[in-house]
Amino acid sequence: MVPTSASASHQSSLRAALRRLSAIKVDSRSSPSSSLSLSTKAVTMGTPSENPQRAPWRDILHSHLEQTPGYEFTIATIGYNAQQHPVPRLRTCGCRGFFPELELHPQGQEAMDQQVEGGGNPPIFESDMLTFTTDARMDKLPQLESSGHAIEAVFWLKDLMTQWRIKGTAYAIGNPSGEDAEEEKTSRTEIRKALRVKGDNNNTIAKWTWERAVTKYFANHSPVARGSFRNPPPGQPRSSTPSQLDLKLGQKVSDLHDPVARANFRVVVIRPEEVERLDLTDQENGKRWNWTLIDGSNGPWNETELWP
């Protein structure tokens, strides 16, 4: 991740270098058996042995989240004030688990079964990337774009007396234009680098699509929550009149493909690069671990135990 203290020009140069390095790695490994291509309609991927290994911290975090119903986390992005100085921007978001392994509530799965072919994607992918959803009209996405997608997320799991801190980059998917939209194409490219094939599923990869993946996250919302994506533009004065007459509060959306709501709905996927766990169960002997990604999005991870 590009340090926030770096100058804008330095950040831009560093990100360009990283992109060139990534491109070199992909080119050097390309072959008919190891090519990786996720199109708007379908996915092709190399064999499971060519995919990144599960992060050493993932199962621990997953276990902690399963013990914490209704968990949220605090998201930090980088914004700019009127003088164009970088400033931190924080908000609390509902964590939607690891992409794309969202477990739908019964009503959400019923909606998928009724409105989406096959009830959604086959469960063939997993990753170490956490997710949340947002309205494309909010400030999060422009802030991610302007800062090289830098993000930090923090869980404080009080019942477990444990804090998790995840640093990395975040990418939004769900633009109705698909890969015709440059930011959507970039996001899919970055996210797919850290996807893993679960078991022997290579023969069914072609049945998986990005559109169904995003629709599943939309289905996970209640009809009222889906209707919030048909609200007037967030953050605008309440005295202003929306330019679209169908934008108003309190709407319920049952159609998973509602064009107005889906135009504003996005899934944000966090690709971790550094993770820390602080365990204060024994406050006289606190424990702290740091995991840092060594080689791009595919690992391995370097684990270090720290003083708390």
C-alpha atoms as a PDB file:
ATOM      1  CA  MET A   1       0.000   0.000   0.000  1.00  0.00           C
ATOM      2  CA  VAL A   2       1.307   3.464  -0.810  1.00  0.00           C
ATOM      3  CA  PRO A   3       2.078   5.366   2.451  1.00  0.00           C
ATOM      4  CA  THR A   4      -0.325   8.204   3.103  1.00  0.00           C
ATOM      5  CA  SER A   5       2.583  10.454   3.996  1.00  0.00           C
ATOM      6  CA  ALA A   6       3.998  10.247   0.477  1.00  0.00           C
ATOM      7  CA  SER A   7       3.506  13.134  -1.913  1.00  0.00           C
ATOM      8  CA  ALA A   8       0.908  12.849  -4.663  1.00  0.00           C
ATOM      9  CA  SER A   9       3.551  12.590  -7.372  1.00  0.00           C
ATOM     10  CA  HIS A  10       5.492   9.983  -5.431  1.00  0.00           C
ATOM     11  CA  GLN A  11       2.297   7.948  -4.876  1.00  0.00           C
ATOM     12  CA  SER A  12       1.511   8.112  -8.578  1.00  0.00           C
ATOM     13  CA  SER A  13       5.017   6.976  -9.571  1.00  0.00           C
ATOM     14  CA  LEU A  14       5.020   4.165  -7.047  1.00  0.00           C
ATOM     15  CA  ARG A  15       1.587   2.899  -8.127  1.00  0.00           C
ATOM     16  CA  ALA A  16       2.682   2.960 -11.771  1.00  0.00           C
ATOM     17  CA  ALA A  17       5.779   0.935 -10.898  1.00  0.00           C
ATOM     18  CA  LEU A  18       3.691  -1.590  -9.003  1.00  0.00           C
ATOM     19  CA  ARG A  19       1.335  -1.941 -11.956  1.00  0.00           C
ATOM     20  CA  ARG A  20       4.278  -2.516 -14.313  1.00  0.00           C
ATOM     21  CA  LEU A  21       5.722  -5.133 -11.948  1.00  0.00           C
ATOM     22  CA  SER A  22       2.354  -6.877 -11.725  1.00  0.00           C
ATOM     23  CA  ALA A  23       2.063  -6.921 -15.500  1.00  0.00           C
ATOM     24  CA  ILE A  24       5.545  -8.422 -15.830  1.00  0.00           C
ATOM     25  CA  LYS A  25       4.640 -11.209 -13.377  1.00  0.00           C
ATOM     26  CA  VAL A  26       1.453 -12.042 -15.224  1.00  0.00           C
ATOM     27  CA  ASP A  27       3.177 -12.094 -18.614  1.00  0.00           C
ATOM     28  CA  SER A  28       5.995 -14.281 -17.371  1.00  0.00           C
ATOM     29  CA  ARG A  29       3.547 -16.901 -16.107  1.00  0.00           C
ATOM     30  CA  SER A  30       1.057 -16.870 -18.949  1.00  0.00           C
ATOM     31  CA  SER A  31       0.342 -20.178 -20.632  1.00  0.00           C
ATOM     32  CA  PRO A  32      -2.775 -22.032 -21.793  1.00  0.00           C
ATOM     33  CA  SER A  33      -2.956 -23.859 -18.462  1.00  0.00           C
ATOM     34  CA  SER A  34      -2.311 -20.902 -16.150  1.00  0.00           C
ATOM     35  CA  SER A  35      -4.113 -18.036 -17.832  1.00  0.00           C
ATOM     36  CA  LEU A  36      -6.555 -16.043 -15.677  1.00  0.00           C
ATOM     37  CA  SER A  37      -9.420 -14.224 -17.326  1.00  0.00           C
ATOM     38  CA  LEU A  38     -12.662 -13.086 -15.738  1.00  0.00           C
ATOM     39  CA  SER A  39     -15.033 -11.611 -18.290  1.00  0.00           C
ATOM     40  CA  THR A  40     -18.362  -9.917 -17.715  1.00  0.00           C
ATOM     41  CA  LYS A  41     -20.182 -13.159 -18.510  1.00  0.00           C
ATOM     42  CA  ALA A  42     -17.917 -15.883 -17.207  1.00  0.00           C
ATOM     43  CA  VAL A  43     -14.674 -16.796 -15.490  1.00  0.00           C
ATOM     44  CA  THR A  44     -11.714 -18.897 -16.539  1.00  0.00           C
ATOM     45  CA  MET A  45      -8.933 -19.693 -14.106  1.00  0.00           C
ATOM     46  CA  GLY A  46      -5.847 -21.824 -13.645  1.00  0.00           C
ATOM     47  CA  THR A  47      -5.716 -25.012 -11.605  1.00  0.00           C
ATOM     48  CA  PRO A  48      -6.127 -24.787  -7.810  1.00  0.00           C
ATOM     49  CA  SER A  49      -2.419 -25.459  -7.270  1.00  0.00           C
ATOM     50  CA  GLU A  50      -1.645 -22.246  -9.127  1.00  0.00           C
ATOM     51  CA  ASN A  51      -3.854 -20.139  -6.857  1.00  0.00           C
ATOM     52  CA  PRO A  52      -2.689 -18.249  -3.765  1.00  0.00           C
ATOM     53  CA  GLN A  53      -2.655 -20.102  -0.464  1.00  0.00           C
ATOM     54  CA  ARG A  54      -5.104 -19.314   2.322  1.00  0.00           C
ATOM     55  CA  ALA A  55      -3.726 -16.580   4.591  1.00  0.00           C
ATOM     56  CA  PRO A  56      -2.532 -17.893   7.991  1.00  0.00           C
ATOM     57  CA  TRP A  57      -4.755 -15.422   9.869  1.00  0.00           C
ATOM     58  CA  ARG A  58      -7.951 -16.056   7.912  1.00  0.00           C
ATOM     59  CA  ASP A  59      -9.378 -18.987   9.860  1.00  0.00           C
ATOM     60  CA  ILE A  60      -8.757 -17.230  13.176  1.00  0.00           C
ATOM     61  CA  LEU A  61     -10.558 -14.069  12.034  1.00  0.00           C
ATOM     62  CA  HIS A  62     -13.380 -16.118  10.521  1.00  0.00           C
ATOM     63  CA  SER A  63     -13.832 -17.974  13.814  1.00  0.00           C
ATOM     64  CA  HIS A  64     -13.919 -14.700  15.745  1.00  0.00           C
ATOM     65  CA  LEU A  65     -16.509 -13.186  13.399  1.00  0.00           C
ATOM     66  CA  GLU A  66     -18.710 -16.274  13.695  1.00  0.00           C
ATOM     67  CA  GLN A  67     -18.712 -15.705  17.463  1.00  0.00           C
ATOM     68  CA  THR A  68     -19.744 -12.051  17.012  1.00  0.00           C
ATOM     69  CA  PRO A  69     -23.268 -11.732  15.571  1.00  0.00           C
ATOM     70  CA  GLY A  70     -24.025  -8.534  13.699  1.00  0.00           C
ATOM     71  CA  TYR A  71     -20.406  -7.474  13.518  1.00  0.00           C
ATOM     72  CA  GLU A  72     -19.417  -4.124  12.057  1.00  0.00           C
ATOM     73  CA  PHE A  73     -16.039  -2.590  11.370  1.00  0.00           C
ATOM     74  CA  THR A  74     -14.629   0.911  11.077  1.00  0.00           C
ATOM     75  CA  ILE A  75     -13.386   1.878   7.635  1.00  0.00           C
ATOM     76  CA  ALA A  76     -10.763   4.572   7.064  1.00  0.00           C
ATOM     77  CA  THR A  77     -10.151   6.208   3.685  1.00  0.00           C
ATOM     78  CA  ILE A  78      -8.167   9.289   2.675  1.00  0.00           C
ATOM     79  CA  GLY A  79     -10.037  12.456   1.747  1.00  0.00           C
ATOM     80  CA  TYR A  80      -8.939  15.999   0.996  1.00  0.00           C
ATOM     81  CA  ASN A  81     -10.029  19.222   2.683  1.00  0.00           C
ATOM     82  CA  ALA A  82     -10.656  22.610   1.032  1.00  0.00           C
ATOM     83  CA  GLN A  83      -6.902  23.253   0.984  1.00  0.00           C
ATOM     84  CA  GLN A  84      -6.353  19.867  -0.719  1.00  0.00           C
ATOM     85  CA  HIS A  85      -4.550  18.474   2.330  1.00  0.00           C
ATOM     86  CA  PRO A  86      -5.065  14.746   2.962  1.00  0.00           C
ATOM     87  CA  VAL A  87      -7.343  14.010   5.910  1.00  0.00           C
ATOM     88  CA  PRO A  88      -8.625  10.704   7.356  1.00  0.00           C
ATOM     89  CA  ARG A  89     -12.274   9.839   6.813  1.00  0.00           C
ATOM     90  CA  LEU A  90     -13.919   7.230   9.048  1.00  0.00           C
ATOM     91  CA  ARG A  91     -17.265   5.440   9.022  1.00  0.00           C
ATOM     92  CA  THR A  92     -18.755   2.261  10.438  1.00  0.00           C
ATOM     93  CA  CYS A  93     -19.879  -0.346   7.900  1.00  0.00           C
ATOM     94  CA  GLY A  94     -21.469  -3.752   8.094  1.00  0.00           C
ATOM     95  CA  CYS A  95     -18.921  -6.416   7.198  1.00  0.00           C
ATOM     96  CA  ARG A  96     -20.303  -8.867   4.608  1.00  0.00           C
ATOM     97  CA  GLY A  97     -17.704 -11.588   5.151  1.00  0.00           C
ATOM     98  CA  PHE A  98     -15.132 -12.940   2.725  1.00  0.00           C
ATOM     99  CA  PHE A  99     -15.641 -12.464  -1.010  1.00  0.00           C
ATOM    100  CA  PRO A 100     -17.527 -14.116  -2.625  1.00  0.00           C
ATOM    101  CA  GLU A 101     -18.628 -16.482   0.159  1.00  0.00           C
ATOM    102  CA  LEU A 102     -21.580 -14.519   1.501  1.00  0.00           C
ATOM    103  CA  GLU A 103     -24.101 -16.706   3.341  1.00  0.00           C
ATOM    104  CA  LEU A 104     -27.567 -15.442   2.460  1.00  0.00           C
ATOM    105  CA  HIS A 105     -30.441 -15.242   4.921  1.00  0.00           C
ATOM    106  CA  PRO A 106     -33.462 -17.397   3.891  1.00  0.00           C
ATOM    107  CA  GLN A 107     -35.421 -14.526   2.323  1.00  0.00           C
ATOM    108  CA  GLY A 108     -32.392 -13.465   0.300  1.00  0.00           C
ATOM    109  CA  GLN A 109     -31.815 -16.979  -1.012  1.00  0.00           C
ATOM    110  CA  GLU A 110     -35.503 -17.273  -1.874  1.00  0.00           C
ATOM    111  CA  ALA A 111     -35.247 -14.084  -3.924  1.00  0.00           C
ATOM    112  CA  MET A 112     -32.147 -15.426  -5.688  1.00  0.00           C
ATOM    113  CA  ASP A 113     -33.844 -18.742  -6.443  1.00  0.00           C
ATOM    114  CA  GLN A 114     -36.828 -16.952  -7.957  1.00  0.00           C
ATOM    115  CA  GLN A 115     -35.028 -14.232  -9.909  1.00  0.00           C
ATOM    116  CA  VAL A 116     -31.532 -15.492 -10.790  1.00  0.00           C
ATOM    117  CA  GLU A 117     -30.718 -18.437 -13.021  1.00  0.00           C
ATOM    118  CA  GLY A 118     -29.492 -21.344 -10.926  1.00  0.00           C
ATOM    119  CA  GLY A 119     -30.112 -19.391  -7.746  1.00  0.00           C
ATOM    120  CA  GLY A 120     -26.765 -17.638  -8.154  1.00  0.00           C
ATOM    121  CA  ASN A 121     -23.160 -18.614  -8.773  1.00  0.00           C
ATOM    122  CA  PRO A 122     -21.814 -22.072  -7.975  1.00  0.00           C
ATOM    123  CA  PRO A 123     -19.686 -21.945  -4.767  1.00  0.00           C
ATOM    124  CA  ILE A 124     -16.361 -22.422  -6.480  1.00  0.00           C
ATOM    125  CA  PHE A 125     -14.277 -19.472  -5.251  1.00  0.00           C
ATOM    126  CA  GLU A 126     -12.929 -18.316  -1.903  1.00  0.00           C
ATOM    127  CA  SER A 127     -10.534 -15.570  -0.822  1.00  0.00           C
ATOM    128  CA  ASP A 128      -9.080 -13.656   2.121  1.00  0.00           C
ATOM    129  CA  MET A 129     -10.786 -10.437   0.957  1.00  0.00           C
ATOM    130  CA  LEU A 130     -13.398  -8.826   3.210  1.00  0.00           C
ATOM    131  CA  THR A 131     -16.417  -6.982   1.824  1.00  0.00           C
ATOM    132  CA  PHE A 132     -18.912  -4.249   2.565  1.00  0.00           C
ATOM    133  CA  THR A 133     -21.562  -2.561   0.442  1.00  0.00           C
ATOM    134  CA  THR A 134     -22.069   1.130  -0.283  1.00  0.00           C
ATOM    135  CA  ASP A 135     -23.924   3.660  -2.370  1.00  0.00           C
ATOM    136  CA  ALA A 136     -21.856   4.752  -5.382  1.00  0.00           C
ATOM    137  CA  ARG A 137     -22.924   8.338  -4.735  1.00  0.00           C
ATOM    138  CA  MET A 138     -21.178   8.482  -1.347  1.00  0.00           C
ATOM    139  CA  ASP A 139     -17.659   9.805  -0.803  1.00  0.00           C
ATOM    140  CA  LYS A 140     -15.962   6.458  -0.174  1.00  0.00           C
ATOM    141  CA  LEU A 141     -15.411   5.519  -3.802  1.00  0.00           C
ATOM    142  CA  PRO A 142     -13.909   8.842  -4.997  1.00  0.00           C
ATOM    143  CA  GLN A 143     -11.641   8.782  -1.943  1.00  0.00           C
ATOM    144  CA  LEU A 144     -10.445   5.297  -2.788  1.00  0.00           C
ATOM    145  CA  GLU A 145      -9.814   6.298  -6.406  1.00  0.00           C
ATOM    146  CA  SER A 146      -7.856   9.433  -5.456  1.00  0.00           C
ATOM    147  CA  SER A 147      -5.629   7.640  -2.924  1.00  0.00           C
ATOM    148  CA  GLY A 148      -4.607   4.614  -4.954  1.00  0.00           C
ATOM    149  CA  HIS A 149      -7.410   2.566  -3.331  1.00  0.00           C
ATOM    150  CA  ALA A 150      -5.779   2.771   0.121  1.00  0.00           C
ATOM    151  CA  ILE A 151      -7.963   1.584   3.005  1.00  0.00           C
ATOM    152  CA  GLU A 152      -7.768   0.415   6.595  1.00  0.00           C
ATOM    153  CA  ALA A 153     -10.452  -1.514   8.502  1.00  0.00           C
ATOM    154  CA  VAL A 154     -10.625  -2.151  12.257  1.00  0.00           C
ATOM    155  CA  PHE A 155     -12.747  -4.612  14.232  1.00  0.00           C
ATOM    156  CA  TRP A 156     -13.089  -4.267  17.990  1.00  0.00           C
ATOM    157  CA  LEU A 157     -14.681  -7.520  19.147  1.00  0.00           C
ATOM    158  CA  LYS A 158     -15.464  -6.642  22.744  1.00  0.00           C
ATOM    159  CA  ASP A 159     -16.792 -10.043  23.792  1.00  0.00           C
ATOM    160  CA  LEU A 160     -13.494 -11.583  22.678  1.00  0.00           C
ATOM    161  CA  MET A 161     -11.362  -8.640  23.879  1.00  0.00           C
ATOM    162  CA  THR A 162      -9.691  -8.690  20.485  1.00  0.00           C
ATOM    163  CA  GLN A 163      -8.911  -6.034  17.897  1.00  0.00           C
ATOM    164  CA  TRP A 164      -8.235  -6.795  14.241  1.00  0.00           C
ATOM    165  CA  ARG A 165      -6.667  -4.235  11.930  1.00  0.00           C
ATOM    166  CA  ILE A 166      -6.609  -4.820   8.155  1.00  0.00           C
ATOM    167  CA  LYS A 167      -4.617  -2.581   5.811  1.00  0.00           C
ATOM    168  CA  GLY A 168      -4.640  -2.864   2.052  1.00  0.00           C
ATOM    169  CA  THR A 169      -6.469  -1.728  -1.053  1.00  0.00           C
ATOM    170  CA  ALA A 170     -10.184  -1.752  -1.834  1.00  0.00           C
ATOM    171  CA  TYR A 171     -12.051  -2.032  -5.120  1.00  0.00           C
ATOM    172  CA  ALA A 172     -15.742  -1.514  -5.928  1.00  0.00           C
ATOM    173  CA  ILE A 173     -17.736  -3.737  -8.282  1.00  0.00           C
ATOM    174  CA  GLY A 174     -21.325  -3.516  -9.478  1.00  0.00           C
ATOM    175  CA  ASN A 175     -21.292  -0.892 -12.223  1.00  0.00           C
ATOM    176  CA  PRO A 176     -24.201  -1.823 -14.545  1.00  0.00           C
ATOM    177  CA  SER A 177     -21.974  -1.106 -17.555  1.00  0.00           C
ATOM    178  CA  GLY A 178     -19.692  -3.977 -16.586  1.00  0.00           C
ATOM    179  CA  GLU A 179     -16.176  -3.907 -17.971  1.00  0.00           C
ATOM    180  CA  ASP A 180     -17.152  -1.133 -20.375  1.00  0.00           C
ATOM    181  CA  ALA A 181     -16.627   1.069 -17.296  1.00  0.00           C
ATOM    182  CA  GLU A 182     -12.895   1.481 -16.713  1.00  0.00           C
ATOM    183  CA  GLU A 183     -13.121   1.458 -12.905  1.00  0.00           C
ATOM    184  CA  GLU A 184     -15.147  -1.775 -12.995  1.00  0.00           C
ATOM    185  CA  LYS A 185     -12.604  -3.431 -15.266  1.00  0.00           C
ATOM    186  CA  THR A 186      -9.766  -2.352 -12.963  1.00  0.00           C
ATOM    187  CA  SER A 187     -11.597  -3.613  -9.877  1.00  0.00           C
ATOM    188  CA  ARG A 188     -12.296  -7.031 -11.373  1.00  0.00           C
ATOM    189  CA  THR A 189      -8.695  -7.353 -12.501  1.00  0.00           C
ATOM    190  CA  GLU A 190      -7.363  -6.607  -9.014  1.00  0.00           C
ATOM    191  CA  ILE A 191      -9.905  -8.761  -7.164  1.00  0.00           C
ATOM    192  CA  ARG A 192      -9.430 -11.821  -9.370  1.00  0.00           C
ATOM    193  CA  LYS A 193      -5.699 -11.892  -8.507  1.00  0.00           C
ATOM    194  CA  ALA A 194      -6.575 -13.039  -4.997  1.00  0.00           C
ATOM    195  CA  LEU A 195      -9.395 -15.492  -5.773  1.00  0.00           C
ATOM    196  CA  ARG A 196      -8.849 -19.185  -5.092  1.00  0.00           C
ATOM    197  CA  VAL A 197     -10.634 -22.153  -6.642  1.00  0.00           C
ATOM    198  CA  LYS A 198     -12.198 -24.356  -3.965  1.00  0.00           C
ATOM    199  CA  GLY A 199     -11.435 -28.025  -4.498  1.00  0.00           C
ATOM    200  CA  ASP A 200     -11.791 -29.565  -7.944  1.00  0.00           C
ATOM    201  CA  ASN A 201     -14.129 -26.982  -9.473  1.00  0.00           C
ATOM    202  CA  ASN A 202     -12.298 -26.014 -12.651  1.00  0.00           C
ATOM    203  CA  ASN A 203     -14.956 -27.600 -14.850  1.00  0.00           C
ATOM    204  CA  THR A 204     -17.678 -25.300 -13.472  1.00  0.00           C
ATOM    205  CA  ILE A 205     -15.761 -22.008 -13.468  1.00  0.00           C
ATOM    206  CA  ALA A 206     -17.411 -20.889 -16.713  1.00  0.00           C
ATOM    207  CA  LYS A 207     -20.770 -20.821 -14.912  1.00  0.00           C
ATOM    208  CA  TRP A 208     -19.587 -18.098 -12.501  1.00  0.00           C
ATOM    209  CA  THR A 209     -20.313 -14.436 -13.346  1.00  0.00           C
ATOM    210  CA  TRP A 210     -19.557 -11.097 -11.733  1.00  0.00           C
ATOM    211  CA  GLU A 211     -23.143  -9.939 -12.184  1.00  0.00           C
ATOM    212  CA  ARG A 212     -24.537 -12.828 -10.143  1.00  0.00           C
ATOM    213  CA  ALA A 213     -21.873 -12.278  -7.480  1.00  0.00           C
ATOM    214  CA  VAL A 214     -22.984  -8.650  -7.003  1.00  0.00           C
ATOM    215  CA  THR A 215     -26.681  -9.586  -7.158  1.00  0.00           C
ATOM    216  CA  LYS A 216     -26.167 -11.968  -4.235  1.00  0.00           C
ATOM    217  CA  TYR A 217     -24.924  -9.103  -2.068  1.00  0.00           C
ATOM    218  CA  PHE A 218     -27.914  -7.006  -3.140  1.00  0.00           C
ATOM    219  CA  ALA A 219     -30.251  -9.896  -2.257  1.00  0.00           C
ATOM    220  CA  ASN A 220     -28.711 -10.057   1.205  1.00  0.00           C
ATOM    221  CA  HIS A 221     -30.332  -6.694   1.997  1.00  0.00           C
ATOM    222  CA  SER A 222     -33.934  -6.405   3.135  1.00  0.00           C
ATOM    223  CA  PRO A 223     -36.395  -4.807   0.685  1.00  0.00           C
ATOM    224  CA  VAL A 224     -36.221  -1.561   2.700  1.00  0.00           C
ATOM    225  CA  ALA A 225     -32.414  -1.597   2.679  1.00  0.00           C
ATOM    226  CA  ARG A 226     -32.440  -2.221  -1.075  1.00  0.00           C
ATOM    227  CA  GLY A 227     -34.809   0.721  -1.365  1.00  0.00           C
ATOM    228  CA  SER A 228     -32.205   2.959   0.282  1.00  0.00           C
ATOM    229  CA  PHE A 229     -30.325   2.865  -3.023  1.00  0.00           C
ATOM    230  CA  ARG A 230     -33.319   4.718  -4.479  1.00  0.00           C
ATOM    231  CA  ASN A 231     -32.978   7.493  -1.870  1.00  0.00           C
ATOM    232  CA  PRO A 232     -32.202  11.089  -2.861  1.00  0.00           C
ATOM    233  CA  PRO A 233     -28.435  11.686  -3.256  1.00  0.00           C
ATOM    234  CA  PRO A 234     -26.734  11.108   0.128  1.00  0.00           C
ATOM    235  CA  GLY A 235     -25.308  14.206   1.778  1.00  0.00           C
ATOM    236  CA  GLN A 236     -27.255  16.703  -0.302  1.00  0.00           C
ATOM    237  CA  PRO A 237     -29.393  19.374   1.439  1.00  0.00           C
ATOM    238  CA  ARG A 238     -32.797  17.979   2.307  1.00  0.00           C
ATOM    239  CA  SER A 239     -34.363  21.139   0.870  1.00  0.00           C
ATOM    240  CA  SER A 240     -33.065  20.263  -2.606  1.00  0.00           C
ATOM    241  CA  THR A 241     -35.317  18.407  -5.046  1.00  0.00           C
ATOM    242  CA  PRO A 242     -33.834  15.262  -6.636  1.00  0.00           C
ATOM    243  CA  SER A 243     -33.507  15.413 -10.402  1.00  0.00           C
ATOM    244  CA  GLN A 244     -35.040  11.914 -10.653  1.00  0.00           C
ATOM    245  CA  LEU A 245     -38.661  11.715  -9.551  1.00  0.00           C
ATOM    246  CA  ASP A 246     -38.292   8.064  -8.488  1.00  0.00           C
ATOM    247  CA  LEU A 247     -35.701   8.979  -5.824  1.00  0.00           C
ATOM    248  CA  LYS A 248     -37.428   9.173  -2.453  1.00  0.00           C
ATOM    249  CA  LEU A 249     -37.184   7.766   1.057  1.00  0.00           C
ATOM    250  CA  GLY A 250     -38.873   4.661   2.412  1.00  0.00           C
ATOM    251  CA  GLN A 251     -39.139   2.624  -0.760  1.00  0.00           C
ATOM    252  CA  LYS A 252     -39.131  -1.174  -0.735  1.00  0.00           C
ATOM    253  CA  VAL A 253     -37.386  -3.022  -3.557  1.00  0.00           C
ATOM    254  CA  SER A 254     -38.196  -6.665  -4.282  1.00  0.00           C
ATOM    255  CA  ASP A 255     -36.742  -6.748  -7.809  1.00  0.00           C
ATOM    256  CA  LEU A 256     -33.090  -7.786  -7.518  1.00  0.00           C
ATOM    257  CA  HIS A 257     -32.445  -6.160 -10.895  1.00  0.00           C
ATOM    258  CA  ASP A 258     -34.160  -2.838 -10.146  1.00  0.00           C
ATOM    259  CA  PRO A 259     -32.287  -0.493 -12.532  1.00  0.00           C
ATOM    260  CA  VAL A 260     -32.383   2.599 -10.307  1.00  0.00           C
ATOM    261  CA  ALA A 261     -31.197   0.862  -7.138  1.00  0.00           C
ATOM    262  CA  ARG A 262     -28.599  -1.267  -8.915  1.00  0.00           C
ATOM    263  CA  ALA A 263     -27.136   1.795 -10.626  1.00  0.00           C
ATOM    264  CA  ASN A 264     -26.185   3.064  -7.166  1.00  0.00           C
ATOM    265  CA  PHE A 265     -25.320  -0.245  -5.463  1.00  0.00           C
ATOM    266  CA  ARG A 266     -21.693  -1.319  -5.107  1.00  0.00           C
ATOM    267  CA  VAL A 267     -19.812  -4.111  -3.367  1.00  0.00           C
ATOM    268  CA  VAL A 268     -16.426  -3.019  -2.019  1.00  0.00           C
ATOM    269  CA  VAL A 269     -13.793  -5.744  -1.740  1.00  0.00           C
ATOM    270  CA  ILE A 270     -10.770  -5.222   0.531  1.00  0.00           C
ATOM    271  CA  ARG A 271      -7.568  -6.945  -0.568  1.00  0.00           C
ATOM    272  CA  PRO A 272      -5.444  -7.179   2.602  1.00  0.00           C
ATOM    273  CA  GLU A 273      -1.734  -6.462   2.564  1.00  0.00           C
ATOM    274  CA  GLU A 274      -1.093  -6.233   6.302  1.00  0.00           C
ATOM    275  CA  VAL A 275      -3.123  -7.674   9.183  1.00  0.00           C
ATOM    276  CA  GLU A 276      -2.722  -7.271  12.940  1.00  0.00           C
ATOM    277  CA  ARG A 277      -4.422  -9.067  15.797  1.00  0.00           C
ATOM    278  CA  LEU A 278      -4.348  -7.695  19.350  1.00  0.00           C
ATOM    279  CA  ASP A 279      -5.551 -10.126  22.024  1.00  0.00           C
ATOM    280  CA  LEU A 280      -6.314  -8.540  25.417  1.00  0.00           C
ATOM    281  CA  THR A 281      -8.020 -11.574  26.950  1.00  0.00           C
ATOM    282  CA  ASP A 282      -5.254 -11.592  29.569  1.00  0.00           C
ATOM    283  CA  GLN A 283      -4.663  -7.892  30.139  1.00  0.00           C
ATOM    284  CA  GLU A 284      -1.547  -8.627  32.204  1.00  0.00           C
ATOM    285  CA  ASN A 285      -0.022 -10.463  29.272  1.00  0.00           C
ATOM    286  CA  GLY A 286      -1.474  -9.055  26.065  1.00  0.00           C
ATOM    287  CA  LYS A 287      -0.608 -10.710  22.752  1.00  0.00           C
ATOM    288  CA  ARG A 288      -0.137  -9.102  19.349  1.00  0.00           C
ATOM    289  CA  TRP A 289       0.655 -10.549  15.941  1.00  0.00           C
ATOM    290  CA  ASN A 290       1.399  -8.956  12.571  1.00  0.00           C
ATOM    291  CA  TRP A 291       1.095 -10.628   9.171  1.00  0.00           C
ATOM    292  CA  THR A 292       2.538  -8.842   6.151  1.00  0.00           C
ATOM    293  CA  LEU A 293       2.042  -9.920   2.552  1.00  0.00           C
ATOM    294  CA  ILE A 294       5.432 -10.502   0.958  1.00  0.00           C
ATOM    295  CA  ASP A 295       4.761 -11.064  -2.724  1.00  0.00           C
ATOM    296  CA  GLY A 296       1.857  -9.127  -4.192  1.00  0.00           C
ATOM    297  CA  SER A 297      -1.643 -10.583  -3.862  1.00  0.00           C
ATOM    298  CA  ASN A 298      -0.542 -14.242  -3.824  1.00  0.00           C
ATOM    299  CA  GLY A 299       1.527 -14.322  -0.646  1.00  0.00           C
ATOM    300  CA  PRO A 300       3.319 -15.739   1.186  1.00  0.00           C
ATOM    301  CA  TRP A 301       2.701 -13.943   4.489  1.00  0.00           C
ATOM    302  CA  ASN A 302       5.392 -13.051   7.012  1.00  0.00           C
ATOM    303  CA  GLU A 303       4.218 -13.545  10.612  1.00  0.00           C
ATOM    304  CA  THR A 304       5.772 -11.619  13.508  1.00  0.00           C
ATOM    305  CA  GLU A 305       4.757 -11.599  17.165  1.00  0.00           C
ATOM    306  CA  LEU A 306       4.922  -8.084  18.624  1.00  0.00           C
ATOM    307  CA  TRP A 307       4.816  -6.445  22.007  1.00  0.00           C
ATOM    308  CA  PRO A 308       1.192  -5.372  22.584  1.00  0.00           C
END
